[in-house]
Amino acid sequence: MAYDQYLAERISQVLTELGISHHSKNMMGGHVFFVDNKMLCGIHIDKKYKDSLLMARIGEEAYEKEIQKEVCLPMDFTGRPMKGYIFITPDGFDMDDDLKYWIELTLEFNPLAKASPRKKKKKKS
């Protein structure tokens, strides 16, 4: 399933304007952004919601506050909510200032986040 390329451009633009070195790649059926080789945020098209959602890695402490907002949903695309991650509906990131808020929140948590261990490439025999 394709992801919202316009939203990806907006996220990249905010990170660039903030002077944040980042990279992104397609994964988990969407598009994910990384800072310091740690997942920061991403775009996921939700089958239940039938729209693009912003996925944000904000940590468990911020999660408790932010999940109370009407535009926020637990990140549960696997059937079980992931701790410290949240989905934001389009109404929550439609305005540039709103999108910047979420990205800044992910950037606040990023230094505390753990990077996933890199998989070792198999040697060819």
C-alpha atoms as a PDB file:
ATOM      1  CA  MET A   1       0.000   0.000   0.000  1.00  0.00           C
ATOM      2  CA  ALA A   2       1.362   3.432  -0.915  1.00  0.00           C
ATOM      3  CA  TYR A   3       2.024   6.046   1.740  1.00  0.00           C
ATOM      4  CA  ASP A   4       1.196   9.751   1.618  1.00  0.00           C
ATOM      5  CA  GLN A   5       4.211  11.197  -0.223  1.00  0.00           C
ATOM      6  CA  TYR A   6       3.105  14.769   0.434  1.00  0.00           C
ATOM      7  CA  LEU A   7       3.147  14.098   4.183  1.00  0.00           C
ATOM      8  CA  ALA A   8       6.611  12.528   3.818  1.00  0.00           C
ATOM      9  CA  GLU A   9       7.821  15.704   2.091  1.00  0.00           C
ATOM     10  CA  ARG A  10       6.324  17.852   4.858  1.00  0.00           C
ATOM     11  CA  ILE A  11       8.047  15.790   7.570  1.00  0.00           C
ATOM     12  CA  SER A  12      11.376  15.949   5.753  1.00  0.00           C
ATOM     13  CA  GLN A  13      10.988  19.713   5.293  1.00  0.00           C
ATOM     14  CA  VAL A  14      10.349  20.273   9.024  1.00  0.00           C
ATOM     15  CA  LEU A  15      13.391  18.172   9.957  1.00  0.00           C
ATOM     16  CA  THR A  16      15.533  20.032   7.433  1.00  0.00           C
ATOM     17  CA  GLU A  17      14.321  23.429   8.667  1.00  0.00           C
ATOM     18  CA  LEU A  18      15.221  22.366  12.224  1.00  0.00           C
ATOM     19  CA  GLY A  19      18.701  21.396  11.000  1.00  0.00           C
ATOM     20  CA  ILE A  20      18.199  17.724  11.841  1.00  0.00           C
ATOM     21  CA  SER A  21      20.168  15.145   9.869  1.00  0.00           C
ATOM     22  CA  HIS A  22      17.804  12.300   9.001  1.00  0.00           C
ATOM     23  CA  HIS A  23      17.100   9.497   6.599  1.00  0.00           C
ATOM     24  CA  SER A  24      13.968   7.559   5.741  1.00  0.00           C
ATOM     25  CA  LYS A  25      12.911   4.292   4.200  1.00  0.00           C
ATOM     26  CA  ASN A  26       9.862   2.264   3.337  1.00  0.00           C
ATOM     27  CA  MET A  27       8.989  -0.280   5.991  1.00  0.00           C
ATOM     28  CA  MET A  28       6.040  -1.715   7.910  1.00  0.00           C
ATOM     29  CA  GLY A  29       3.738  -0.928   4.993  1.00  0.00           C
ATOM     30  CA  GLY A  30       4.533   2.768   5.239  1.00  0.00           C
ATOM     31  CA  HIS A  31       7.436   5.181   5.370  1.00  0.00           C
ATOM     32  CA  VAL A  32       9.627   5.719   8.432  1.00  0.00           C
ATOM     33  CA  PHE A  33      12.034   8.531   9.370  1.00  0.00           C
ATOM     34  CA  PHE A  34      15.188   7.985  11.413  1.00  0.00           C
ATOM     35  CA  VAL A  35      17.428  10.331  13.396  1.00  0.00           C
ATOM     36  CA  ASP A  36      20.667   8.980  14.846  1.00  0.00           C
ATOM     37  CA  ASN A  37      19.681   5.581  13.426  1.00  0.00           C
ATOM     38  CA  LYS A  38      16.613   5.496  15.699  1.00  0.00           C
ATOM     39  CA  MET A  39      13.010   5.427  14.524  1.00  0.00           C
ATOM     40  CA  LEU A  40      11.551   8.907  14.948  1.00  0.00           C
ATOM     41  CA  CYS A  41       8.206   8.995  13.187  1.00  0.00           C
ATOM     42  CA  GLY A  42       6.466   7.589  10.157  1.00  0.00           C
ATOM     43  CA  ILE A  43       3.440   7.360   7.952  1.00  0.00           C
ATOM     44  CA  HIS A  44       1.039   4.458   8.156  1.00  0.00           C
ATOM     45  CA  ILE A  45      -2.141   3.918   6.171  1.00  0.00           C
ATOM     46  CA  ASP A  46      -4.558   2.393   8.624  1.00  0.00           C
ATOM     47  CA  LYS A  47      -7.040  -0.146   7.249  1.00  0.00           C
ATOM     48  CA  LYS A  48      -9.592   0.568   9.981  1.00  0.00           C
ATOM     49  CA  TYR A  49      -9.286   4.359   9.740  1.00  0.00           C
ATOM     50  CA  LYS A  50      -8.834   4.281   5.927  1.00  0.00           C
ATOM     51  CA  ASP A  51      -6.431   7.215   5.901  1.00  0.00           C
ATOM     52  CA  SER A  52      -2.795   8.095   6.514  1.00  0.00           C
ATOM     53  CA  LEU A  53      -1.828   8.356  10.150  1.00  0.00           C
ATOM     54  CA  LEU A  54       1.284   9.944  11.560  1.00  0.00           C
ATOM     55  CA  MET A  55       3.160   7.515  13.772  1.00  0.00           C
ATOM     56  CA  ALA A  56       5.236   9.216  16.460  1.00  0.00           C
ATOM     57  CA  ARG A  57       7.743   7.707  18.885  1.00  0.00           C
ATOM     58  CA  ILE A  58       7.250   9.952  21.903  1.00  0.00           C
ATOM     59  CA  GLY A  59       8.095   7.718  24.868  1.00  0.00           C
ATOM     60  CA  GLU A  60       5.875   6.405  27.622  1.00  0.00           C
ATOM     61  CA  GLU A  61       5.873   9.584  29.723  1.00  0.00           C
ATOM     62  CA  ALA A  62       4.606  11.862  26.930  1.00  0.00           C
ATOM     63  CA  TYR A  63       2.246   9.111  25.761  1.00  0.00           C
ATOM     64  CA  GLU A  64       0.190   9.348  28.958  1.00  0.00           C
ATOM     65  CA  LYS A  65      -0.536  13.032  28.287  1.00  0.00           C
ATOM     66  CA  GLU A  66      -0.886  12.981  24.506  1.00  0.00           C
ATOM     67  CA  ILE A  67      -3.167   9.925  24.232  1.00  0.00           C
ATOM     68  CA  GLN A  68      -5.871  12.014  25.931  1.00  0.00           C
ATOM     69  CA  LYS A  69      -6.123  14.223  22.820  1.00  0.00           C
ATOM     70  CA  GLU A  70      -8.960  13.559  20.405  1.00  0.00           C
ATOM     71  CA  VAL A  71      -6.546  13.321  17.445  1.00  0.00           C
ATOM     72  CA  CYS A  72      -4.456  10.564  19.073  1.00  0.00           C
ATOM     73  CA  LEU A  73      -4.830   6.801  18.889  1.00  0.00           C
ATOM     74  CA  PRO A  74      -2.782   3.980  20.388  1.00  0.00           C
ATOM     75  CA  MET A  75      -0.324   2.564  17.853  1.00  0.00           C
ATOM     76  CA  ASP A  76      -1.763  -0.920  17.597  1.00  0.00           C
ATOM     77  CA  PHE A  77      -1.451  -2.000  13.984  1.00  0.00           C
ATOM     78  CA  THR A  78      -0.127  -5.363  15.183  1.00  0.00           C
ATOM     79  CA  GLY A  79      -3.179  -5.867  17.420  1.00  0.00           C
ATOM     80  CA  ARG A  80      -1.310  -4.874  20.569  1.00  0.00           C
ATOM     81  CA  PRO A  81      -0.431  -1.243  21.435  1.00  0.00           C
ATOM     82  CA  MET A  82       3.279  -0.435  21.328  1.00  0.00           C
ATOM     83  CA  LYS A  83       4.526   1.430  24.400  1.00  0.00           C
ATOM     84  CA  GLY A  84       5.723   4.951  23.739  1.00  0.00           C
ATOM     85  CA  TYR A  85       4.326   5.121  20.206  1.00  0.00           C
ATOM     86  CA  ILE A  86       1.200   6.949  19.113  1.00  0.00           C
ATOM     87  CA  PHE A  87      -0.853   7.467  15.959  1.00  0.00           C
ATOM     88  CA  ILE A  88      -2.102  10.953  15.116  1.00  0.00           C
ATOM     89  CA  THR A  89      -5.104  11.346  12.821  1.00  0.00           C
ATOM     90  CA  PRO A  90      -4.942  13.824   9.891  1.00  0.00           C
ATOM     91  CA  ASP A  91      -6.785  16.527  11.865  1.00  0.00           C
ATOM     92  CA  GLY A  92      -3.854  16.504  14.277  1.00  0.00           C
ATOM     93  CA  PHE A  93      -1.161  17.279  11.691  1.00  0.00           C
ATOM     94  CA  ASP A  94      -3.047  19.125   8.943  1.00  0.00           C
ATOM     95  CA  MET A  95      -1.602  22.491   9.927  1.00  0.00           C
ATOM     96  CA  ASP A  96       2.175  22.960   9.632  1.00  0.00           C
ATOM     97  CA  ASP A  97       2.467  24.127  13.257  1.00  0.00           C
ATOM     98  CA  ASP A  98       0.682  20.960  14.423  1.00  0.00           C
ATOM     99  CA  LEU A  99       3.001  18.722  12.398  1.00  0.00           C
ATOM    100  CA  LYS A 100       6.004  20.606  13.779  1.00  0.00           C
ATOM    101  CA  TYR A 101       4.693  20.062  17.339  1.00  0.00           C
ATOM    102  CA  TRP A 102       4.621  16.279  16.868  1.00  0.00           C
ATOM    103  CA  ILE A 103       8.039  16.182  15.228  1.00  0.00           C
ATOM    104  CA  GLU A 104       9.550  18.281  18.011  1.00  0.00           C
ATOM    105  CA  LEU A 105       7.997  15.921  20.567  1.00  0.00           C
ATOM    106  CA  THR A 106       9.620  12.943  18.824  1.00  0.00           C
ATOM    107  CA  LEU A 107      12.938  14.785  18.739  1.00  0.00           C
ATOM    108  CA  GLU A 108      12.731  15.415  22.504  1.00  0.00           C
ATOM    109  CA  PHE A 109      12.426  11.674  23.098  1.00  0.00           C
ATOM    110  CA  ASN A 110      14.956  10.585  20.477  1.00  0.00           C
ATOM    111  CA  PRO A 111      18.094  10.931  22.679  1.00  0.00           C
ATOM    112  CA  LEU A 112      16.441   8.619  25.235  1.00  0.00           C
ATOM    113  CA  ALA A 113      15.327   6.037  22.669  1.00  0.00           C
ATOM    114  CA  LYS A 114      17.276   2.880  22.018  1.00  0.00           C
ATOM    115  CA  ALA A 115      18.279   2.010  18.491  1.00  0.00           C
ATOM    116  CA  SER A 116      17.257  -1.386  17.206  1.00  0.00           C
ATOM    117  CA  PRO A 117      20.198  -3.746  16.896  1.00  0.00           C
ATOM    118  CA  ARG A 118      21.480  -4.019  13.350  1.00  0.00           C
ATOM    119  CA  LYS A 119      20.963  -7.371  11.689  1.00  0.00           C
ATOM    120  CA  LYS A 120      24.133  -9.042  10.545  1.00  0.00           C
ATOM    121  CA  LYS A 121      24.278  -9.833   6.865  1.00  0.00           C
ATOM    122  CA  LYS A 122      24.607 -13.499   6.053  1.00  0.00           C
ATOM    123  CA  LYS A 123      27.856 -14.480   4.438  1.00  0.00           C
ATOM    124  CA  LYS A 124      27.533 -16.103   1.059  1.00  0.00           C
ATOM    125  CA  SER A 125      29.070 -19.525   0.850  1.00  0.00           C
END
